[in-house]
Amino acid sequence: MQLLTDFSEEGQVDGLSLIKAKTLKFSFSDNTIKIPHVGWNNIKIKRQNILLENIPDDAQFYFTHSYYVTCEKEDNIVATTNYGHDFDSIINNENIWGVQFHPEKSHKQGLVLLKNFIENA
């Protein structure tokens, strides 16, 4: 998602600014929280979106990442996830979508999300 945003700490580079947001690297003072974030985690739906049709709140998806996105505008946030702190895990601006997780590795929920994208986006 980093290229969708205004800026990314990965490489300290400007993005395409398709969504007003920044991509930041996870940093935790608690050394029990490992980086990268790898494994199953839940999403919290903040607003309904065509990507989430037939996907319940708290659905699990598979994550592998060391960076996260933080949006400037609330209306660009579709869902959040907590890993040490809340971060934006699904973002949207008009016909631009980004997900922090791997839909292709997320079994049934991932297939539903990909189907929703193909049929509705």
PDB file of N, CA and C in Angstrom:
ATOM      1  N   MET A   1       0.813  -1.192   0.000  1.00  0.00           N
ATOM      2  CA  MET A   1       0.000   0.000   0.000  1.00  0.00           C
ATOM      3  C   MET A   1       0.857   1.256   0.000  1.00  0.00           C
ATOM      4  N   GLN A   2       2.148   1.114   0.267  1.00  0.00           N
ATOM      5  CA  GLN A   2       2.968   2.305   0.448  1.00  0.00           C
ATOM      6  C   GLN A   2       2.961   3.240  -0.741  1.00  0.00           C
ATOM      7  N   LEU A   3       2.895   2.733  -1.954  1.00  0.00           N
ATOM      8  CA  LEU A   3       2.908   3.624  -3.114  1.00  0.00           C
ATOM      9  C   LEU A   3       1.605   4.398  -3.263  1.00  0.00           C
ATOM     10  N   LEU A   4       0.536   3.913  -2.660  1.00  0.00           N
ATOM     11  CA  LEU A   4      -0.741   4.626  -2.715  1.00  0.00           C
ATOM     12  C   LEU A   4      -0.724   5.889  -1.865  1.00  0.00           C
ATOM     13  N   THR A   5       0.171   5.944  -0.880  1.00  0.00           N
ATOM     14  CA  THR A   5       0.167   7.013   0.108  1.00  0.00           C
ATOM     15  C   THR A   5       1.059   8.186  -0.310  1.00  0.00           C
ATOM     16  N   ASP A   6       1.069   9.217   0.527  1.00  0.00           N
ATOM     17  CA  ASP A   6       1.884  10.407   0.257  1.00  0.00           C
ATOM     18  C   ASP A   6       3.375  10.161   0.470  1.00  0.00           C
ATOM     19  N   PHE A   7       3.689   9.317   1.474  1.00  0.00           N
ATOM     20  CA  PHE A   7       5.080   9.128   1.867  1.00  0.00           C
ATOM     21  C   PHE A   7       5.244   7.759   2.513  1.00  0.00           C
ATOM     22  N   SER A   8       6.418   7.148   2.336  1.00  0.00           N
ATOM     23  CA  SER A   8       6.721   5.877   2.973  1.00  0.00           C
ATOM     24  C   SER A   8       8.077   5.932   3.665  1.00  0.00           C
ATOM     25  N   GLU A   9       8.096   5.456   4.904  1.00  0.00           N
ATOM     26  CA  GLU A   9       9.366   5.326   5.616  1.00  0.00           C
ATOM     27  C   GLU A   9      10.233   4.224   5.015  1.00  0.00           C
ATOM     28  N   GLU A  10       9.634   3.331   4.259  1.00  0.00           N
ATOM     29  CA  GLU A  10      10.422   2.297   3.579  1.00  0.00           C
ATOM     30  C   GLU A  10      11.124   2.958   2.396  1.00  0.00           C
ATOM     31  N   GLY A  11      12.372   3.291   2.570  1.00  0.00           N
ATOM     32  CA  GLY A  11      13.130   3.991   1.544  1.00  0.00           C
ATOM     33  C   GLY A  11      13.045   5.495   1.633  1.00  0.00           C
ATOM     34  N   GLN A  12      12.243   6.008   2.591  1.00  0.00           N
ATOM     35  CA  GLN A  12      12.075   7.463   2.751  1.00  0.00           C
ATOM     36  C   GLN A  12      11.727   8.121   1.411  1.00  0.00           C
ATOM     37  N   VAL A  13      10.649   7.650   0.794  1.00  0.00           N
ATOM     38  CA  VAL A  13      10.275   8.112  -0.542  1.00  0.00           C
ATOM     39  C   VAL A  13       8.847   8.650  -0.568  1.00  0.00           C
ATOM     40  N   ASP A  14       8.608   9.549  -1.506  1.00  0.00           N
ATOM     41  CA  ASP A  14       7.254  10.024  -1.755  1.00  0.00           C
ATOM     42  C   ASP A  14       6.486   8.960  -2.516  1.00  0.00           C
ATOM     43  N   GLY A  15       5.187   8.860  -2.221  1.00  0.00           N
ATOM     44  CA  GLY A  15       4.323   7.939  -2.930  1.00  0.00           C
ATOM     45  C   GLY A  15       3.536   8.657  -4.009  1.00  0.00           C
ATOM     46  N   LEU A  16       2.521   7.999  -4.512  1.00  0.00           N
ATOM     47  CA  LEU A  16       1.691   8.558  -5.574  1.00  0.00           C
ATOM     48  C   LEU A  16       0.589   9.477  -5.048  1.00  0.00           C
ATOM     49  N   SER A  17       0.370   9.510  -3.750  1.00  0.00           N
ATOM     50  CA  SER A  17      -0.647  10.360  -3.106  1.00  0.00           C
ATOM     51  C   SER A  17      -2.053  10.078  -3.624  1.00  0.00           C
ATOM     52  N   LEU A  18      -2.340   8.827  -3.923  1.00  0.00           N
ATOM     53  CA  LEU A  18      -3.689   8.460  -4.355  1.00  0.00           C
ATOM     54  C   LEU A  18      -4.647   8.425  -3.171  1.00  0.00           C
ATOM     55  N   ILE A  19      -4.088   8.214  -1.978  1.00  0.00           N
ATOM     56  CA  ILE A  19      -4.846   8.278  -0.735  1.00  0.00           C
ATOM     57  C   ILE A  19      -4.007   9.097   0.241  1.00  0.00           C
ATOM     58  N   LYS A  20      -4.620  10.093   0.870  1.00  0.00           N
ATOM     59  CA  LYS A  20      -3.898  10.965   1.807  1.00  0.00           C
ATOM     60  C   LYS A  20      -3.550  10.150   3.052  1.00  0.00           C
ATOM     61  N   ALA A  21      -2.305   9.659   3.092  1.00  0.00           N
ATOM     62  CA  ALA A  21      -1.874   8.803   4.188  1.00  0.00           C
ATOM     63  C   ALA A  21      -0.356   8.710   4.179  1.00  0.00           C
ATOM     64  N   LYS A  22       0.180   8.131   5.248  1.00  0.00           N
ATOM     65  CA  LYS A  22       1.607   7.861   5.338  1.00  0.00           C
ATOM     66  C   LYS A  22       1.810   6.381   5.633  1.00  0.00           C
ATOM     67  N   THR A  23       2.910   5.840   5.148  1.00  0.00           N
ATOM     68  CA  THR A  23       3.299   4.478   5.435  1.00  0.00           C
ATOM     69  C   THR A  23       4.459   4.533   6.419  1.00  0.00           C
ATOM     70  N   LEU A  24       4.256   3.932   7.576  1.00  0.00           N
ATOM     71  CA  LEU A  24       5.227   4.008   8.662  1.00  0.00           C
ATOM     72  C   LEU A  24       5.708   2.614   9.064  1.00  0.00           C
ATOM     73  N   LYS A  25       6.916   2.532   9.604  1.00  0.00           N
ATOM     74  CA  LYS A  25       7.460   1.260  10.063  1.00  0.00           C
ATOM     75  C   LYS A  25       7.006   0.998  11.496  1.00  0.00           C
ATOM     76  N   PHE A  26       6.583  -0.238  11.771  1.00  0.00           N
ATOM     77  CA  PHE A  26       6.261  -0.612  13.138  1.00  0.00           C
ATOM     78  C   PHE A  26       7.477  -0.403  14.024  1.00  0.00           C
ATOM     79  N   SER A  27       7.242   0.095  15.218  1.00  0.00           N
ATOM     80  CA  SER A  27       8.289   0.260  16.219  1.00  0.00           C
ATOM     81  C   SER A  27       7.624   0.109  17.580  1.00  0.00           C
ATOM     82  N   PHE A  28       8.115  -0.836  18.373  1.00  0.00           N
ATOM     83  CA  PHE A  28       7.500  -1.116  19.666  1.00  0.00           C
ATOM     84  C   PHE A  28       8.560  -1.116  20.760  1.00  0.00           C
ATOM     85  N   SER A  29       8.251  -0.505  21.888  1.00  0.00           N
ATOM     86  CA  SER A  29       9.156  -0.583  23.037  1.00  0.00           C
ATOM     87  C   SER A  29       9.032  -1.951  23.716  1.00  0.00           C
ATOM     88  N   ASP A  30       7.905  -2.610  23.528  1.00  0.00           N
ATOM     89  CA  ASP A  30       7.667  -3.954  24.066  1.00  0.00           C
ATOM     90  C   ASP A  30       8.291  -4.972  23.115  1.00  0.00           C
ATOM     91  N   ASN A  31       9.407  -5.586  23.522  1.00  0.00           N
ATOM     92  CA  ASN A  31      10.103  -6.507  22.611  1.00  0.00           C
ATOM     93  C   ASN A  31       9.411  -7.858  22.452  1.00  0.00           C
ATOM     94  N   THR A  32       8.246  -8.045  23.107  1.00  0.00           N
ATOM     95  CA  THR A  32       7.492  -9.278  22.867  1.00  0.00           C
ATOM     96  C   THR A  32       6.638  -9.172  21.599  1.00  0.00           C
ATOM     97  N   ILE A  33       6.468  -7.947  21.091  1.00  0.00           N
ATOM     98  CA  ILE A  33       5.725  -7.759  19.837  1.00  0.00           C
ATOM     99  C   ILE A  33       6.745  -7.811  18.703  1.00  0.00           C
ATOM    100  N   LYS A  34       6.665  -8.849  17.918  1.00  0.00           N
ATOM    101  CA  LYS A  34       7.660  -9.106  16.880  1.00  0.00           C
ATOM    102  C   LYS A  34       7.373  -8.335  15.599  1.00  0.00           C
ATOM    103  N   ILE A  35       8.443  -7.936  14.929  1.00  0.00           N
ATOM    104  CA  ILE A  35       8.375  -7.313  13.608  1.00  0.00           C
ATOM    105  C   ILE A  35       9.212  -8.187  12.689  1.00  0.00           C
ATOM    106  N   PRO A  36       8.645  -8.658  11.576  1.00  0.00           N
ATOM    107  CA  PRO A  36       7.355  -8.273  11.008  1.00  0.00           C
ATOM    108  C   PRO A  36       6.166  -8.934  11.714  1.00  0.00           C
ATOM    109  N   HIS A  37       5.025  -8.338  11.503  1.00  0.00           N
ATOM    110  CA  HIS A  37       3.740  -8.890  11.934  1.00  0.00           C
ATOM    111  C   HIS A  37       3.412 -10.011  10.958  1.00  0.00           C
ATOM    112  N   VAL A  38       3.421 -11.241  11.425  1.00  0.00           N
ATOM    113  CA  VAL A  38       3.164 -12.394  10.567  1.00  0.00           C
ATOM    114  C   VAL A  38       2.102 -13.257  11.221  1.00  0.00           C
ATOM    115  N   GLY A  39       1.041 -13.531  10.478  1.00  0.00           N
ATOM    116  CA  GLY A  39       0.023 -14.449  10.969  1.00  0.00           C
ATOM    117  C   GLY A  39      -1.385 -13.919  10.793  1.00  0.00           C
ATOM    118  N   TRP A  40      -2.307 -14.655  11.382  1.00  0.00           N
ATOM    119  CA  TRP A  40      -3.734 -14.337  11.286  1.00  0.00           C
ATOM    120  C   TRP A  40      -4.081 -13.227  12.256  1.00  0.00           C
ATOM    121  N   ASN A  41      -4.918 -12.299  11.785  1.00  0.00           N
ATOM    122  CA  ASN A  41      -5.393 -11.218  12.633  1.00  0.00           C
ATOM    123  C   ASN A  41      -6.761 -10.769  12.128  1.00  0.00           C
ATOM    124  N   ASN A  42      -7.505 -10.112  13.001  1.00  0.00           N
ATOM    125  CA  ASN A  42      -8.871  -9.694  12.685  1.00  0.00           C
ATOM    126  C   ASN A  42      -8.915  -8.278  12.137  1.00  0.00           C
ATOM    127  N   ILE A  43      -9.948  -8.022  11.353  1.00  0.00           N
ATOM    128  CA  ILE A  43     -10.235  -6.658  10.916  1.00  0.00           C
ATOM    129  C   ILE A  43     -11.452  -6.150  11.680  1.00  0.00           C
ATOM    130  N   LYS A  44     -11.467  -4.864  11.926  1.00  0.00           N
ATOM    131  CA  LYS A  44     -12.624  -4.186  12.511  1.00  0.00           C
ATOM    132  C   LYS A  44     -13.179  -3.266  11.440  1.00  0.00           C
ATOM    133  N   ILE A  45     -14.381  -3.537  10.988  1.00  0.00           N
ATOM    134  CA  ILE A  45     -14.993  -2.746   9.916  1.00  0.00           C
ATOM    135  C   ILE A  45     -15.397  -1.381  10.464  1.00  0.00           C
ATOM    136  N   LYS A  46     -14.924  -0.333   9.793  1.00  0.00           N
ATOM    137  CA  LYS A  46     -15.253   1.041  10.171  1.00  0.00           C
ATOM    138  C   LYS A  46     -16.372   1.614   9.311  1.00  0.00           C
ATOM    139  N   ARG A  47     -16.456   1.143   8.064  1.00  0.00           N
ATOM    140  CA  ARG A  47     -17.554   1.553   7.189  1.00  0.00           C
ATOM    141  C   ARG A  47     -17.751   0.470   6.133  1.00  0.00           C
ATOM    142  N   GLN A  48     -18.983   0.317   5.712  1.00  0.00           N
ATOM    143  CA  GLN A  48     -19.276  -0.686   4.702  1.00  0.00           C
ATOM    144  C   GLN A  48     -18.650  -0.286   3.370  1.00  0.00           C
ATOM    145  N   ASN A  49     -18.263  -1.295   2.615  1.00  0.00           N
ATOM    146  CA  ASN A  49     -17.575  -1.093   1.354  1.00  0.00           C
ATOM    147  C   ASN A  49     -17.831  -2.321   0.496  1.00  0.00           C
ATOM    148  N   ILE A  50     -17.820  -2.152  -0.821  1.00  0.00           N
ATOM    149  CA  ILE A  50     -18.103  -3.285  -1.711  1.00  0.00           C
ATOM    150  C   ILE A  50     -17.118  -4.434  -1.522  1.00  0.00           C
ATOM    151  N   LEU A  51     -15.908  -4.160  -1.071  1.00  0.00           N
ATOM    152  CA  LEU A  51     -14.947  -5.243  -0.835  1.00  0.00           C
ATOM    153  C   LEU A  51     -15.391  -6.159   0.301  1.00  0.00           C
ATOM    154  N   LEU A  52     -16.191  -5.638   1.212  1.00  0.00           N
ATOM    155  CA  LEU A  52     -16.557  -6.385   2.418  1.00  0.00           C
ATOM    156  C   LEU A  52     -17.932  -7.040   2.353  1.00  0.00           C
ATOM    157  N   GLU A  53     -18.563  -7.022   1.198  1.00  0.00           N
ATOM    158  CA  GLU A  53     -19.857  -7.696   1.066  1.00  0.00           C
ATOM    159  C   GLU A  53     -19.699  -9.172   1.426  1.00  0.00           C
ATOM    160  N   ASN A  54     -20.531  -9.654   2.348  1.00  0.00           N
ATOM    161  CA  ASN A  54     -20.510 -11.042   2.839  1.00  0.00           C
ATOM    162  C   ASN A  54     -19.271 -11.381   3.666  1.00  0.00           C
ATOM    163  N   ILE A  55     -18.606 -10.377   4.197  1.00  0.00           N
ATOM    164  CA  ILE A  55     -17.483 -10.574   5.113  1.00  0.00           C
ATOM    165  C   ILE A  55     -17.878  -9.940   6.443  1.00  0.00           C
ATOM    166  N   PRO A  56     -17.880 -10.721   7.525  1.00  0.00           N
ATOM    167  CA  PRO A  56     -18.317 -10.181   8.819  1.00  0.00           C
ATOM    168  C   PRO A  56     -17.236  -9.347   9.501  1.00  0.00           C
ATOM    169  N   ASP A  57     -17.684  -8.475  10.404  1.00  0.00           N
ATOM    170  CA  ASP A  57     -16.753  -7.765  11.267  1.00  0.00           C
ATOM    171  C   ASP A  57     -15.974  -8.815  12.065  1.00  0.00           C
ATOM    172  N   ASP A  58     -14.731  -8.559  12.327  1.00  0.00           N
ATOM    173  CA  ASP A  58     -13.840  -9.466  13.048  1.00  0.00           C
ATOM    174  C   ASP A  58     -13.363 -10.645  12.198  1.00  0.00           C
ATOM    175  N   ALA A  59     -13.588 -10.601  10.900  1.00  0.00           N
ATOM    176  CA  ALA A  59     -13.080 -11.665  10.023  1.00  0.00           C
ATOM    177  C   ALA A  59     -11.558 -11.692  10.106  1.00  0.00           C
ATOM    178  N   GLN A  60     -10.985 -12.871   9.927  1.00  0.00           N
ATOM    179  CA  GLN A  60      -9.536 -13.015   9.992  1.00  0.00           C
ATOM    180  C   GLN A  60      -8.920 -13.058   8.602  1.00  0.00           C
ATOM    181  N   PHE A  61      -7.763 -12.393   8.490  1.00  0.00           N
ATOM    182  CA  PHE A  61      -6.979 -12.390   7.264  1.00  0.00           C
ATOM    183  C   PHE A  61      -5.523 -12.650   7.637  1.00  0.00           C
ATOM    184  N   TYR A  62      -4.726 -13.037   6.636  1.00  0.00           N
ATOM    185  CA  TYR A  62      -3.329 -13.372   6.883  1.00  0.00           C
ATOM    186  C   TYR A  62      -2.426 -12.178   6.559  1.00  0.00           C
ATOM    187  N   PHE A  63      -1.640 -11.753   7.540  1.00  0.00           N
ATOM    188  CA  PHE A  63      -0.760 -10.588   7.426  1.00  0.00           C
ATOM    189  C   PHE A  63       0.709 -11.001   7.416  1.00  0.00           C
ATOM    190  N   THR A  64       1.506 -10.299   6.655  1.00  0.00           N
ATOM    191  CA  THR A  64       2.967 -10.371   6.704  1.00  0.00           C
ATOM    192  C   THR A  64       3.467  -8.981   6.329  1.00  0.00           C
ATOM    193  N   HIS A  65       3.868  -8.174   7.336  1.00  0.00           N
ATOM    194  CA  HIS A  65       4.316  -6.820   7.027  1.00  0.00           C
ATOM    195  C   HIS A  65       5.069  -6.198   8.185  1.00  0.00           C
ATOM    196  N   SER A  66       5.931  -5.248   7.855  1.00  0.00           N
ATOM    197  CA  SER A  66       6.682  -4.475   8.847  1.00  0.00           C
ATOM    198  C   SER A  66       6.265  -3.012   8.845  1.00  0.00           C
ATOM    199  N   TYR A  67       5.454  -2.626   7.862  1.00  0.00           N
ATOM    200  CA  TYR A  67       4.992  -1.246   7.706  1.00  0.00           C
ATOM    201  C   TYR A  67       3.482  -1.218   7.762  1.00  0.00           C
ATOM    202  N   TYR A  68       2.928  -0.089   8.149  1.00  0.00           N
ATOM    203  CA  TYR A  68       1.477   0.072   8.227  1.00  0.00           C
ATOM    204  C   TYR A  68       1.108   1.454   7.705  1.00  0.00           C
ATOM    205  N   VAL A  69      -0.159   1.612   7.375  1.00  0.00           N
ATOM    206  CA  VAL A  69      -0.662   2.875   6.825  1.00  0.00           C
ATOM    207  C   VAL A  69      -1.500   3.584   7.871  1.00  0.00           C
ATOM    208  N   THR A  70      -1.362   4.895   7.891  1.00  0.00           N
ATOM    209  CA  THR A  70      -2.224   5.735   8.715  1.00  0.00           C
ATOM    210  C   THR A  70      -2.812   6.831   7.822  1.00  0.00           C
ATOM    211  N   CYS A  71      -4.131   6.805   7.664  1.00  0.00           N
ATOM    212  CA  CYS A  71      -4.831   7.745   6.777  1.00  0.00           C
ATOM    213  C   CYS A  71      -5.081   9.075   7.467  1.00  0.00           C
ATOM    214  N   GLU A  72      -5.045  10.144   6.675  1.00  0.00           N
ATOM    215  CA  GLU A  72      -5.374  11.470   7.190  1.00  0.00           C
ATOM    216  C   GLU A  72      -6.882  11.665   7.310  1.00  0.00           C
ATOM    217  N   LYS A  73      -7.638  11.066   6.385  1.00  0.00           N
ATOM    218  CA  LYS A  73      -9.088  11.249   6.351  1.00  0.00           C
ATOM    219  C   LYS A  73      -9.789   9.984   6.832  1.00  0.00           C
ATOM    220  N   GLU A  74     -10.665  10.145   7.817  1.00  0.00           N
ATOM    221  CA  GLU A  74     -11.434   9.014   8.345  1.00  0.00           C
ATOM    222  C   GLU A  74     -12.221   8.288   7.254  1.00  0.00           C
ATOM    223  N   ASP A  75     -12.741   9.044   6.275  1.00  0.00           N
ATOM    224  CA  ASP A  75     -13.577   8.411   5.261  1.00  0.00           C
ATOM    225  C   ASP A  75     -12.785   7.534   4.281  1.00  0.00           C
ATOM    226  N   ASN A  76     -11.453   7.521   4.375  1.00  0.00           N
ATOM    227  CA  ASN A  76     -10.642   6.609   3.574  1.00  0.00           C
ATOM    228  C   ASN A  76     -10.395   5.279   4.282  1.00  0.00           C
ATOM    229  N   ILE A  77     -10.758   5.209   5.552  1.00  0.00           N
ATOM    230  CA  ILE A  77     -10.525   3.999   6.342  1.00  0.00           C
ATOM    231  C   ILE A  77     -11.753   3.092   6.249  1.00  0.00           C
ATOM    232  N   VAL A  78     -11.547   1.901   5.725  1.00  0.00           N
ATOM    233  CA  VAL A  78     -12.623   0.912   5.622  1.00  0.00           C
ATOM    234  C   VAL A  78     -12.566  -0.038   6.810  1.00  0.00           C
ATOM    235  N   ALA A  79     -11.355  -0.460   7.196  1.00  0.00           N
ATOM    236  CA  ALA A  79     -11.192  -1.373   8.330  1.00  0.00           C
ATOM    237  C   ALA A  79      -9.840  -1.132   8.987  1.00  0.00           C
ATOM    238  N   THR A  80      -9.786  -1.479  10.267  1.00  0.00           N
ATOM    239  CA  THR A  80      -8.541  -1.388  11.020  1.00  0.00           C
ATOM    240  C   THR A  80      -8.212  -2.751  11.618  1.00  0.00           C
ATOM    241  N   THR A  81      -6.984  -2.881  12.054  1.00  0.00           N
ATOM    242  CA  THR A  81      -6.503  -4.086  12.715  1.00  0.00           C
ATOM    243  C   THR A  81      -5.614  -3.641  13.865  1.00  0.00           C
ATOM    244  N   ASN A  82      -5.549  -4.445  14.915  1.00  0.00           N
ATOM    245  CA  ASN A  82      -4.671  -4.108  16.026  1.00  0.00           C
ATOM    246  C   ASN A  82      -3.489  -5.065  16.068  1.00  0.00           C
ATOM    247  N   TYR A  83      -2.306  -4.485  16.028  1.00  0.00           N
ATOM    248  CA  TYR A  83      -1.060  -5.214  16.276  1.00  0.00           C
ATOM    249  C   TYR A  83      -0.150  -4.251  17.016  1.00  0.00           C
ATOM    250  N   GLY A  84      -0.194  -4.304  18.328  1.00  0.00           N
ATOM    251  CA  GLY A  84       0.530  -3.338  19.145  1.00  0.00           C
ATOM    252  C   GLY A  84      -0.213  -2.023  19.262  1.00  0.00           C
ATOM    253  N   HIS A  85      -0.885  -1.632  18.204  1.00  0.00           N
ATOM    254  CA  HIS A  85      -1.781  -0.466  18.156  1.00  0.00           C
ATOM    255  C   HIS A  85      -2.657  -0.630  16.922  1.00  0.00           C
ATOM    256  N   ASP A  86      -3.731   0.135  16.846  1.00  0.00           N
ATOM    257  CA  ASP A  86      -4.611   0.068  15.676  1.00  0.00           C
ATOM    258  C   ASP A  86      -3.913   0.684  14.468  1.00  0.00           C
ATOM    259  N   PHE A  87      -4.101   0.053  13.314  1.00  0.00           N
ATOM    260  CA  PHE A  87      -3.628   0.615  12.046  1.00  0.00           C
ATOM    261  C   PHE A  87      -4.687   0.368  10.985  1.00  0.00           C
ATOM    262  N   ASP A  88      -4.621   1.126   9.917  1.00  0.00           N
ATOM    263  CA  ASP A  88      -5.603   1.021   8.836  1.00  0.00           C
ATOM    264  C   ASP A  88      -5.239  -0.169   7.949  1.00  0.00           C
ATOM    265  N   SER A  89      -6.107  -1.169   7.919  1.00  0.00           N
ATOM    266  CA  SER A  89      -5.790  -2.390   7.168  1.00  0.00           C
ATOM    267  C   SER A  89      -6.528  -2.501   5.838  1.00  0.00           C
ATOM    268  N   ILE A  90      -7.610  -1.751   5.656  1.00  0.00           N
ATOM    269  CA  ILE A  90      -8.267  -1.636   4.346  1.00  0.00           C
ATOM    270  C   ILE A  90      -8.553  -0.149   4.139  1.00  0.00           C
ATOM    271  N   ILE A  91      -8.074   0.373   3.011  1.00  0.00           N
ATOM    272  CA  ILE A  91      -8.293   1.786   2.707  1.00  0.00           C
ATOM    273  C   ILE A  91      -8.923   1.915   1.323  1.00  0.00           C
ATOM    274  N   ASN A  92      -9.607   3.044   1.122  1.00  0.00           N
ATOM    275  CA  ASN A  92     -10.318   3.255  -0.141  1.00  0.00           C
ATOM    276  C   ASN A  92     -10.483   4.741  -0.392  1.00  0.00           C
ATOM    277  N   ASN A  93     -10.297   5.131  -1.638  1.00  0.00           N
ATOM    278  CA  ASN A  93     -10.598   6.479  -2.109  1.00  0.00           C
ATOM    279  C   ASN A  93     -11.118   6.344  -3.530  1.00  0.00           C
ATOM    280  N   GLU A  94     -12.411   6.573  -3.700  1.00  0.00           N
ATOM    281  CA  GLU A  94     -13.069   6.427  -4.998  1.00  0.00           C
ATOM    282  C   GLU A  94     -12.807   5.024  -5.553  1.00  0.00           C
ATOM    283  N   ASN A  95     -12.090   4.907  -6.679  1.00  0.00           N
ATOM    284  CA  ASN A  95     -11.875   3.582  -7.281  1.00  0.00           C
ATOM    285  C   ASN A  95     -10.498   2.997  -6.927  1.00  0.00           C
ATOM    286  N   ILE A  96      -9.895   3.482  -5.852  1.00  0.00           N
ATOM    287  CA  ILE A  96      -8.592   2.996  -5.389  1.00  0.00           C
ATOM    288  C   ILE A  96      -8.798   2.270  -4.061  1.00  0.00           C
ATOM    289  N   TRP A  97      -8.318   1.027  -3.965  1.00  0.00           N
ATOM    290  CA  TRP A  97      -8.392   0.241  -2.744  1.00  0.00           C
ATOM    291  C   TRP A  97      -7.006  -0.259  -2.385  1.00  0.00           C
ATOM    292  N   GLY A  98      -6.779  -0.436  -1.114  1.00  0.00           N
ATOM    293  CA  GLY A  98      -5.550  -1.051  -0.632  1.00  0.00           C
ATOM    294  C   GLY A  98      -5.862  -1.904   0.579  1.00  0.00           C
ATOM    295  N   VAL A  99      -5.213  -3.070   0.660  1.00  0.00           N
ATOM    296  CA  VAL A  99      -5.346  -3.934   1.827  1.00  0.00           C
ATOM    297  C   VAL A  99      -3.946  -4.248   2.342  1.00  0.00           C
ATOM    298  N   GLN A 100      -3.798  -4.311   3.659  1.00  0.00           N
ATOM    299  CA  GLN A 100      -2.499  -4.567   4.262  1.00  0.00           C
ATOM    300  C   GLN A 100      -2.192  -6.059   4.322  1.00  0.00           C
ATOM    301  N   PHE A 101      -3.192  -6.890   4.307  1.00  0.00           N
ATOM    302  CA  PHE A 101      -3.037  -8.339   4.414  1.00  0.00           C
ATOM    303  C   PHE A 101      -2.916  -8.967   3.028  1.00  0.00           C
ATOM    304  N   HIS A 102      -2.747 -10.269   3.016  1.00  0.00           N
ATOM    305  CA  HIS A 102      -2.648 -11.027   1.764  1.00  0.00           C
ATOM    306  C   HIS A 102      -3.968 -11.763   1.511  1.00  0.00           C
ATOM    307  N   PRO A 103      -4.835 -11.228   0.636  1.00  0.00           N
ATOM    308  CA  PRO A 103      -6.104 -11.918   0.375  1.00  0.00           C
ATOM    309  C   PRO A 103      -5.882 -13.324  -0.181  1.00  0.00           C
ATOM    310  N   GLU A 104      -4.855 -13.487  -1.006  1.00  0.00           N
ATOM    311  CA  GLU A 104      -4.610 -14.779  -1.648  1.00  0.00           C
ATOM    312  C   GLU A 104      -4.187 -15.855  -0.657  1.00  0.00           C
ATOM    313  N   LYS A 105      -3.786 -15.471   0.547  1.00  0.00           N
ATOM    314  CA  LYS A 105      -3.392 -16.426   1.591  1.00  0.00           C
ATOM    315  C   LYS A 105      -4.420 -16.496   2.714  1.00  0.00           C
ATOM    316  N   SER A 106      -5.543 -15.818   2.523  1.00  0.00           N
ATOM    317  CA  SER A 106      -6.519 -15.667   3.597  1.00  0.00           C
ATOM    318  C   SER A 106      -7.737 -16.573   3.449  1.00  0.00           C
ATOM    319  N   HIS A 107      -7.568 -17.699   2.788  1.00  0.00           N
ATOM    320  CA  HIS A 107      -8.596 -18.728   2.664  1.00  0.00           C
ATOM    321  C   HIS A 107      -9.941 -18.152   2.226  1.00  0.00           C
ATOM    322  N   LYS A 108     -11.025 -18.613   2.868  1.00  0.00           N
ATOM    323  CA  LYS A 108     -12.383 -18.266   2.425  1.00  0.00           C
ATOM    324  C   LYS A 108     -12.621 -16.751   2.392  1.00  0.00           C
ATOM    325  N   GLN A 109     -12.248 -16.043   3.457  1.00  0.00           N
ATOM    326  CA  GLN A 109     -12.498 -14.596   3.498  1.00  0.00           C
ATOM    327  C   GLN A 109     -11.728 -13.874   2.395  1.00  0.00           C
ATOM    328  N   GLY A 110     -10.523 -14.322   2.132  1.00  0.00           N
ATOM    329  CA  GLY A 110      -9.733 -13.722   1.061  1.00  0.00           C
ATOM    330  C   GLY A 110     -10.357 -13.942  -0.302  1.00  0.00           C
ATOM    331  N   LEU A 111     -10.891 -15.149  -0.522  1.00  0.00           N
ATOM    332  CA  LEU A 111     -11.557 -15.438  -1.797  1.00  0.00           C
ATOM    333  C   LEU A 111     -12.805 -14.582  -1.968  1.00  0.00           C
ATOM    334  N   VAL A 112     -13.549 -14.392  -0.885  1.00  0.00           N
ATOM    335  CA  VAL A 112     -14.748 -13.545  -0.949  1.00  0.00           C
ATOM    336  C   VAL A 112     -14.344 -12.108  -1.289  1.00  0.00           C
ATOM    337  N   LEU A 113     -13.304 -11.606  -0.639  1.00  0.00           N
ATOM    338  CA  LEU A 113     -12.845 -10.243  -0.913  1.00  0.00           C
ATOM    339  C   LEU A 113     -12.402 -10.096  -2.365  1.00  0.00           C
ATOM    340  N   LEU A 114     -11.627 -11.052  -2.871  1.00  0.00           N
ATOM    341  CA  LEU A 114     -11.179 -10.983  -4.272  1.00  0.00           C
ATOM    342  C   LEU A 114     -12.364 -11.066  -5.230  1.00  0.00           C
ATOM    343  N   LYS A 115     -13.332 -11.915  -4.930  1.00  0.00           N
ATOM    344  CA  LYS A 115     -14.551 -12.017  -5.756  1.00  0.00           C
ATOM    345  C   LYS A 115     -15.296 -10.681  -5.756  1.00  0.00           C
ATOM    346  N   ASN A 116     -15.424 -10.065  -4.581  1.00  0.00           N
ATOM    347  CA  ASN A 116     -16.094  -8.766  -4.488  1.00  0.00           C
ATOM    348  C   ASN A 116     -15.374  -7.725  -5.334  1.00  0.00           C
ATOM    349  N   PHE A 117     -14.056  -7.722  -5.304  1.00  0.00           N
ATOM    350  CA  PHE A 117     -13.278  -6.770  -6.094  1.00  0.00           C
ATOM    351  C   PHE A 117     -13.497  -6.996  -7.582  1.00  0.00           C
ATOM    352  N   ILE A 118     -13.415  -8.238  -8.023  1.00  0.00           N
ATOM    353  CA  ILE A 118     -13.563  -8.554  -9.436  1.00  0.00           C
ATOM    354  C   ILE A 118     -14.960  -8.204  -9.947  1.00  0.00           C
ATOM    355  N   GLU A 119     -15.968  -8.513  -9.157  1.00  0.00           N
ATOM    356  CA  GLU A 119     -17.354  -8.313  -9.611  1.00  0.00           C
ATOM    357  C   GLU A 119     -17.873  -6.890  -9.425  1.00  0.00           C
ATOM    358  N   ASN A 120     -17.284  -6.117  -8.517  1.00  0.00           N
ATOM    359  CA  ASN A 120     -17.883  -4.818  -8.167  1.00  0.00           C
ATOM    360  C   ASN A 120     -16.979  -3.612  -8.377  1.00  0.00           C
ATOM    361  N   ALA A 121     -15.690  -3.824  -8.490  1.00  0.00           N
ATOM    362  CA  ALA A 121     -14.786  -2.671  -8.537  1.00  0.00           C
ATOM    363  C   ALA A 121     -14.658  -2.122  -9.945  1.00  0.00           C
TER     364      ALA A 121
END
